[in-house]
All heavy atoms as atom14 arrays in JSON, in Angstrom:
{
  "sequence": "TVTACYKAVDGWFAAWVEEIPGVNSQGRTLDE",
  "atom14_mask": [
    [1, 1, 1, 1, 1, 1, 1, 0, 0, 0, 0, 0, 0, 0],
    [1, 1, 1, 1, 1, 1, 1, 0, 0, 0, 0, 0, 0, 0],
    [1, 1, 1, 1, 1, 1, 1, 0, 0, 0, 0, 0, 0, 0],
    [1, 1, 1, 1, 1, 0, 0, 0, 0, 0, 0, 0, 0, 0],
    [1, 1, 1, 1, 1, 1, 0, 0, 0, 0, 0, 0, 0, 0],
    [1, 1, 1, 1, 1, 1, 1, 1, 1, 1, 1, 1, 0, 0],
    [1, 1, 1, 1, 1, 1, 1, 1, 1, 0, 0, 0, 0, 0],
    [1, 1, 1, 1, 1, 0, 0, 0, 0, 0, 0, 0, 0, 0],
    [1, 1, 1, 1, 1, 1, 1, 0, 0, 0, 0, 0, 0, 0],
    [1, 1, 1, 1, 1, 1, 1, 1, 0, 0, 0, 0, 0, 0],
    [1, 1, 1, 1, 0, 0, 0, 0, 0, 0, 0, 0, 0, 0],
    [1, 1, 1, 1, 1, 1, 1, 1, 1, 1, 1, 1, 1, 1],
    [1, 1, 1, 1, 1, 1, 1, 1, 1, 1, 1, 0, 0, 0],
    [1, 1, 1, 1, 1, 0, 0, 0, 0, 0, 0, 0, 0, 0],
    [1, 1, 1, 1, 1, 0, 0, 0, 0, 0, 0, 0, 0, 0],
    [1, 1, 1, 1, 1, 1, 1, 1, 1, 1, 1, 1, 1, 1],
    [1, 1, 1, 1, 1, 1, 1, 0, 0, 0, 0, 0, 0, 0],
    [1, 1, 1, 1, 1, 1, 1, 1, 1, 0, 0, 0, 0, 0],
    [1, 1, 1, 1, 1, 1, 1, 1, 1, 0, 0, 0, 0, 0],
    [1, 1, 1, 1, 1, 1, 1, 1, 0, 0, 0, 0, 0, 0],
    [1, 1, 1, 1, 1, 1, 1, 0, 0, 0, 0, 0, 0, 0],
    [1, 1, 1, 1, 0, 0, 0, 0, 0, 0, 0, 0, 0, 0],
    [1, 1, 1, 1, 1, 1, 1, 0, 0, 0, 0, 0, 0, 0],
    [1, 1, 1, 1, 1, 1, 1, 1, 0, 0, 0, 0, 0, 0],
    [1, 1, 1, 1, 1, 1, 0, 0, 0, 0, 0, 0, 0, 0],
    [1, 1, 1, 1, 1, 1, 1, 1, 1, 0, 0, 0, 0, 0],
    [1, 1, 1, 1, 0, 0, 0, 0, 0, 0, 0, 0, 0, 0],
    [1, 1, 1, 1, 1, 1, 1, 1, 1, 1, 1, 0, 0, 0],
    [1, 1, 1, 1, 1, 1, 1, 0, 0, 0, 0, 0, 0, 0],
    [1, 1, 1, 1, 1, 1, 1, 1, 0, 0, 0, 0, 0, 0],
    [1, 1, 1, 1, 1, 1, 1, 1, 0, 0, 0, 0, 0, 0],
    [1, 1, 1, 1, 1, 1, 1, 1, 1, 0, 0, 0, 0, 0]
  ],
  "atom14_positions": [
    [[1.21, -4.63, 7.02], [0.55, -3.33, 7.0], [0.67, -2.76, 5.59], [1.76, -2.75, 5.02], [1.23, -2.37, 8.0], [1.13, -2.93, 9.3], [0.55, -1.01, 7.99], [0.0, 0.0, 0.0], [0.0, 0.0, 0.0], [0.0, 0.0, 0.0], [0.0, 0.0, 0.0], [0.0, 0.0, 0.0], [0.0, 0.0, 0.0], [0.0, 0.0, 0.0]],
    [[-0.44, -2.32, 5.05], [-0.44, -1.67, 3.75], [-1.05, -0.28, 3.91], [-1.7, 0.01, 4.91], [-1.22, -2.48, 2.68], [-0.54, -3.81, 2.4], [-2.67, -2.68, 3.08], [0.0, 0.0, 0.0], [0.0, 0.0, 0.0], [0.0, 0.0, 0.0], [0.0, 0.0, 0.0], [0.0, 0.0, 0.0], [0.0, 0.0, 0.0], [0.0, 0.0, 0.0]],
    [[-0.84, 0.55, 2.91], [-1.33, 1.92, 2.95], [-2.59, 2.05, 2.11], [-2.55, 1.84, 0.9], [-0.26, 2.88, 2.41], [0.97, 2.66, 3.11], [-0.69, 4.33, 2.59], [0.0, 0.0, 0.0], [0.0, 0.0, 0.0], [0.0, 0.0, 0.0], [0.0, 0.0, 0.0], [0.0, 0.0, 0.0], [0.0, 0.0, 0.0], [0.0, 0.0, 0.0]],
    [[-3.71, 2.36, 2.76], [-4.96, 2.63, 2.05], [-5.02, 4.11, 1.76], [-4.82, 4.94, 2.65], [-6.15, 2.2, 2.91], [0.0, 0.0, 0.0], [0.0, 0.0, 0.0], [0.0, 0.0, 0.0], [0.0, 0.0, 0.0], [0.0, 0.0, 0.0], [0.0, 0.0, 0.0], [0.0, 0.0, 0.0], [0.0, 0.0, 0.0], [0.0, 0.0, 0.0]],
    [[-5.26, 4.45, 0.51], [-5.32, 5.85, 0.08], [-6.74, 6.17, -0.36], [-7.4, 5.35, -0.99], [-4.37, 6.08, -1.09], [-2.66, 5.68, -0.72], [0.0, 0.0, 0.0], [0.0, 0.0, 0.0], [0.0, 0.0, 0.0], [0.0, 0.0, 0.0], [0.0, 0.0, 0.0], [0.0, 0.0, 0.0], [0.0, 0.0, 0.0], [0.0, 0.0, 0.0]],
    [[-7.19, 7.37, -0.03], [-8.54, 7.8, -0.38], [-8.47, 9.21, -0.96], [-7.7, 10.04, -0.5], [-9.44, 7.83, 0.87], [-9.47, 6.51, 1.59], [-8.62, 6.28, 2.67], [-10.32, 5.5, 1.19], [-8.63, 5.07, 3.33], [-10.34, 4.29, 1.85], [-9.5, 4.07, 2.92], [-9.51, 2.87, 3.58], [0.0, 0.0, 0.0], [0.0, 0.0, 0.0]],
    [[-9.3, 9.46, -1.97], [-9.35, 10.78, -2.58], [-10.78, 11.09, -2.99], [-11.43, 10.26, -3.65], [-8.43, 10.84, -3.8], [-8.37, 12.2, -4.45], [-7.36, 12.2, -5.59], [-7.25, 13.6, -6.16], [-6.24, 13.65, -7.21], [0.0, 0.0, 0.0], [0.0, 0.0, 0.0], [0.0, 0.0, 0.0], [0.0, 0.0, 0.0], [0.0, 0.0, 0.0]],
    [[-11.28, 12.24, -2.59], [-12.63, 12.67, -2.98], [-12.6, 13.09, -4.45], [-11.79, 13.92, -4.85], [-13.09, 13.82, -2.11], [0.0, 0.0, 0.0], [0.0, 0.0, 0.0], [0.0, 0.0, 0.0], [0.0, 0.0, 0.0], [0.0, 0.0, 0.0], [0.0, 0.0, 0.0], [0.0, 0.0, 0.0], [0.0, 0.0, 0.0], [0.0, 0.0, 0.0]],
    [[-13.5, 12.48, -5.25], [-13.57, 12.78, -6.68], [-15.04, 12.81, -7.1], [-15.72, 11.78, -7.05], [-12.83, 11.7, -7.51], [-12.93, 12.01, -9.0], [-11.38, 11.56, -7.09], [0.0, 0.0, 0.0], [0.0, 0.0, 0.0], [0.0, 0.0, 0.0], [0.0, 0.0, 0.0], [0.0, 0.0, 0.0], [0.0, 0.0, 0.0], [0.0, 0.0, 0.0]],
    [[-15.53, 13.96, -7.47], [-16.89, 14.11, -8.0], [-17.96, 13.46, -7.12], [-18.83, 12.75, -7.6], [-16.98, 13.53, -9.42], [-16.11, 14.28, -10.41], [-15.91, 15.5, -10.23], [-15.61, 13.64, -11.36], [0.0, 0.0, 0.0], [0.0, 0.0, 0.0], [0.0, 0.0, 0.0], [0.0, 0.0, 0.0], [0.0, 0.0, 0.0], [0.0, 0.0, 0.0]],
    [[-17.9, 13.71, -5.82], [-18.92, 13.2, -4.91], [-18.72, 11.75, -4.46], [-19.55, 11.2, -3.76], [0.0, 0.0, 0.0], [0.0, 0.0, 0.0], [0.0, 0.0, 0.0], [0.0, 0.0, 0.0], [0.0, 0.0, 0.0], [0.0, 0.0, 0.0], [0.0, 0.0, 0.0], [0.0, 0.0, 0.0], [0.0, 0.0, 0.0], [0.0, 0.0, 0.0]],
    [[-17.63, 11.14, -4.87], [-17.28, 9.77, -4.48], [-15.93, 9.8, -3.78], [-15.18, 10.77, -3.89], [-17.17, 8.86, -5.71], [-18.46, 8.55, -6.37], [-19.16, 9.37, -7.22], [-19.22, 7.37, -6.23], [-20.31, 8.75, -7.62], [-20.37, 7.51, -7.05], [-19.05, 6.19, -5.52], [-21.34, 6.54, -7.14], [-20.01, 5.2, -5.64], [-21.15, 5.38, -6.43]],
    [[-15.59, 8.7, -3.12], [-14.25, 8.53, -2.59], [-13.58, 7.39, -3.36], [-14.05, 6.25, -3.31], [-14.27, 8.19, -1.09], [-14.58, 9.38, -0.24], [-15.89, 9.68, 0.09], [-13.57, 10.2, 0.23], [-16.2, 10.79, 0.87], [-13.86, 11.31, 1.01], [-15.18, 11.61, 1.33], [0.0, 0.0, 0.0], [0.0, 0.0, 0.0], [0.0, 0.0, 0.0]],
    [[-12.54, 7.72, -4.11], [-11.72, 6.7, -4.76], [-10.82, 6.11, -3.68], [-10.38, 6.82, -2.77], [-10.88, 7.32, -5.87], [0.0, 0.0, 0.0], [0.0, 0.0, 0.0], [0.0, 0.0, 0.0], [0.0, 0.0, 0.0], [0.0, 0.0, 0.0], [0.0, 0.0, 0.0], [0.0, 0.0, 0.0], [0.0, 0.0, 0.0], [0.0, 0.0, 0.0]],
    [[-10.55, 4.82, -3.77], [-9.73, 4.14, -2.75], [-8.8, 3.15, -3.43], [-9.19, 2.47, -4.37], [-10.65, 3.42, -1.76], [0.0, 0.0, 0.0], [0.0, 0.0, 0.0], [0.0, 0.0, 0.0], [0.0, 0.0, 0.0], [0.0, 0.0, 0.0], [0.0, 0.0, 0.0], [0.0, 0.0, 0.0], [0.0, 0.0, 0.0], [0.0, 0.0, 0.0]],
    [[-7.56, 3.07, -2.94], [-6.61, 2.11, -3.47], [-5.59, 1.76, -2.42], [-5.39, 2.48, -1.46], [-5.95, 2.64, -4.74], [-5.1, 3.86, -4.55], [-3.74, 3.91, -4.35], [-5.53, 5.23, -4.54], [-3.32, 5.21, -4.22], [-4.41, 6.05, -4.33], [-6.78, 5.84, -4.68], [-4.48, 7.43, -4.26], [-6.84, 7.23, -4.6], [-5.7, 8.0, -4.4]],
    [[-4.94, 0.6, -2.62], [-3.84, 0.16, -1.76], [-2.56, 0.54, -2.49], [-2.29, 0.07, -3.6], [-3.9, -1.35, -1.47], [-2.65, -1.8, -0.7], [-5.16, -1.68, -0.66], [0.0, 0.0, 0.0], [0.0, 0.0, 0.0], [0.0, 0.0, 0.0], [0.0, 0.0, 0.0], [0.0, 0.0, 0.0], [0.0, 0.0, 0.0], [0.0, 0.0, 0.0]],
    [[-1.78, 1.41, -1.85], [-0.59, 1.96, -2.49], [0.42, 0.89, -2.92], [1.02, 0.98, -3.98], [0.06, 2.94, -1.51], [1.19, 3.74, -2.09], [1.64, 4.82, -1.14], [2.06, 4.51, -0.01], [1.55, 5.99, -1.53], [0.0, 0.0, 0.0], [0.0, 0.0, 0.0], [0.0, 0.0, 0.0], [0.0, 0.0, 0.0], [0.0, 0.0, 0.0]],
    [[0.59, -0.14, -2.1], [1.64, -1.13, -2.35], [1.24, -2.25, -3.3], [2.09, -3.03, -3.73], [2.09, -1.77, -1.02], [2.71, -0.83, -0.04], [1.72, -0.06, 0.83], [0.48, -0.25, 0.69], [2.18, 0.72, 1.68], [0.0, 0.0, 0.0], [0.0, 0.0, 0.0], [0.0, 0.0, 0.0], [0.0, 0.0, 0.0], [0.0, 0.0, 0.0]],
    [[-0.05, -2.36, -3.63], [-0.51, -3.49, -4.43], [-1.32, -2.97, -5.62], [-2.51, -2.67, -5.5], [-1.35, -4.48, -3.61], [-0.59, -4.9, -2.35], [-1.71, -5.71, -4.45], [-1.4, -5.72, -1.38], [0.0, 0.0, 0.0], [0.0, 0.0, 0.0], [0.0, 0.0, 0.0], [0.0, 0.0, 0.0], [0.0, 0.0, 0.0], [0.0, 0.0, 0.0]],
    [[-0.69, -2.85, -6.79], [-1.41, -2.37, -7.96], [-2.64, -3.24, -8.24], [-2.6, -4.46, -8.1], [-0.38, -2.52, -9.09], [0.94, -2.53, -8.4], [0.7, -3.19, -7.06], [0.0, 0.0, 0.0], [0.0, 0.0, 0.0], [0.0, 0.0, 0.0], [0.0, 0.0, 0.0], [0.0, 0.0, 0.0], [0.0, 0.0, 0.0], [0.0, 0.0, 0.0]],
    [[-3.72, -2.6, -8.63], [-4.93, -3.32, -8.97], [-5.93, -3.46, -7.84], [-7.07, -3.85, -8.07], [0.0, 0.0, 0.0], [0.0, 0.0, 0.0], [0.0, 0.0, 0.0], [0.0, 0.0, 0.0], [0.0, 0.0, 0.0], [0.0, 0.0, 0.0], [0.0, 0.0, 0.0], [0.0, 0.0, 0.0], [0.0, 0.0, 0.0], [0.0, 0.0, 0.0]],
    [[-5.51, -3.16, -6.62], [-6.45, -3.21, -5.49], [-7.0, -1.8, -5.31], [-6.34, -0.93, -4.76], [-5.78, -3.72, -4.19], [-6.78, -3.71, -3.05], [-5.22, -5.11, -4.39], [0.0, 0.0, 0.0], [0.0, 0.0, 0.0], [0.0, 0.0, 0.0], [0.0, 0.0, 0.0], [0.0, 0.0, 0.0], [0.0, 0.0, 0.0], [0.0, 0.0, 0.0]],
    [[-8.2, -1.6, -5.84], [-8.83, -0.29, -5.75], [-10.34, -0.44, -5.73], [-10.87, -1.49, -6.08], [-8.37, 0.61, -6.9], [-8.55, -0.06, -8.24], [-9.65, -0.36, -8.65], [-7.44, -0.31, -8.92], [0.0, 0.0, 0.0], [0.0, 0.0, 0.0], [0.0, 0.0, 0.0], [0.0, 0.0, 0.0], [0.0, 0.0, 0.0], [0.0, 0.0, 0.0]],
    [[-11.01, 0.61, -5.3], [-12.46, 0.59, -5.21], [-12.94, 2.03, -5.07], [-12.17, 2.98, -5.26], [-12.92, -0.27, -4.04], [-14.31, -0.52, -4.14], [0.0, 0.0, 0.0], [0.0, 0.0, 0.0], [0.0, 0.0, 0.0], [0.0, 0.0, 0.0], [0.0, 0.0, 0.0], [0.0, 0.0, 0.0], [0.0, 0.0, 0.0], [0.0, 0.0, 0.0]],
    [[-14.2, 2.17, -4.7], [-14.77, 3.5, -4.46], [-15.99, 3.36, -3.58], [-16.51, 2.27, -3.38], [-15.14, 4.18, -5.77], [-16.25, 3.47, -6.52], [-16.55, 4.15, -7.85], [-15.82, 5.02, -8.29], [-17.64, 3.76, -8.48], [0.0, 0.0, 0.0], [0.0, 0.0, 0.0], [0.0, 0.0, 0.0], [0.0, 0.0, 0.0], [0.0, 0.0, 0.0]],
    [[-16.44, 4.48, -3.05], [-17.66, 4.51, -2.26], [-18.22, 5.91, -2.19], [-17.5, 6.88, -2.39], [0.0, 0.0, 0.0], [0.0, 0.0, 0.0], [0.0, 0.0, 0.0], [0.0, 0.0, 0.0], [0.0, 0.0, 0.0], [0.0, 0.0, 0.0], [0.0, 0.0, 0.0], [0.0, 0.0, 0.0], [0.0, 0.0, 0.0], [0.0, 0.0, 0.0]],
    [[-19.49, 6.0, -1.89], [-20.13, 7.32, -1.74], [-19.63, 8.03, -0.5], [-19.58, 9.25, -0.45], [-21.65, 7.17, -1.67], [-22.29, 6.91, -2.98], [-22.55, 8.22, -3.66], [-23.28, 7.99, -4.89], [-23.31, 8.85, -5.88], [-22.68, 9.99, -5.78], [-23.98, 8.59, -6.96], [0.0, 0.0, 0.0], [0.0, 0.0, 0.0], [0.0, 0.0, 0.0]],
    [[-19.29, 7.25, 0.54], [-18.76, 7.81, 1.78], [-17.39, 7.22, 2.04], [-17.03, 6.19, 1.46], [-19.68, 7.5, 2.98], [-19.64, 6.07, 3.21], [-21.1, 7.97, 2.75], [0.0, 0.0, 0.0], [0.0, 0.0, 0.0], [0.0, 0.0, 0.0], [0.0, 0.0, 0.0], [0.0, 0.0, 0.0], [0.0, 0.0, 0.0], [0.0, 0.0, 0.0]],
    [[-16.65, 7.83, 2.93], [-15.33, 7.3, 3.28], [-15.46, 5.92, 3.91], [-14.69, 5.01, 3.58], [-14.61, 8.27, 4.22], [-13.17, 7.95, 4.56], [-12.31, 7.79, 3.31], [-12.59, 9.03, 5.46], [0.0, 0.0, 0.0], [0.0, 0.0, 0.0], [0.0, 0.0, 0.0], [0.0, 0.0, 0.0], [0.0, 0.0, 0.0], [0.0, 0.0, 0.0]],
    [[-16.45, 5.73, 4.77], [-16.65, 4.41, 5.38], [-16.98, 3.35, 4.33], [-16.48, 2.22, 4.4], [-17.76, 4.46, 6.43], [-17.31, 5.11, 7.73], [-16.08, 5.18, 7.96], [-18.17, 5.55, 8.51], [0.0, 0.0, 0.0], [0.0, 0.0, 0.0], [0.0, 0.0, 0.0], [0.0, 0.0, 0.0], [0.0, 0.0, 0.0], [0.0, 0.0, 0.0]],
    [[-17.83, 3.7, 3.37], [-18.16, 2.74, 2.31], [-16.92, 2.42, 1.47], [-16.69, 1.27, 1.12], [-19.27, 3.3, 1.42], [-19.69, 2.33, 0.34], [-20.8, 2.87, -0.56], [-20.9, 4.1, -0.74], [-21.56, 2.03, -1.08], [0.0, 0.0, 0.0], [0.0, 0.0, 0.0], [0.0, 0.0, 0.0], [0.0, 0.0, 0.0], [0.0, 0.0, 0.0]]
  ]
}
């Protein structure tokens, strides 16, 4: 189990895995 983190930033959702540096992404919606 890892922790997925999401933060709304300028109309996008930034996303990253807390426990694994370098695993990050973004999307226009939370689902994306």
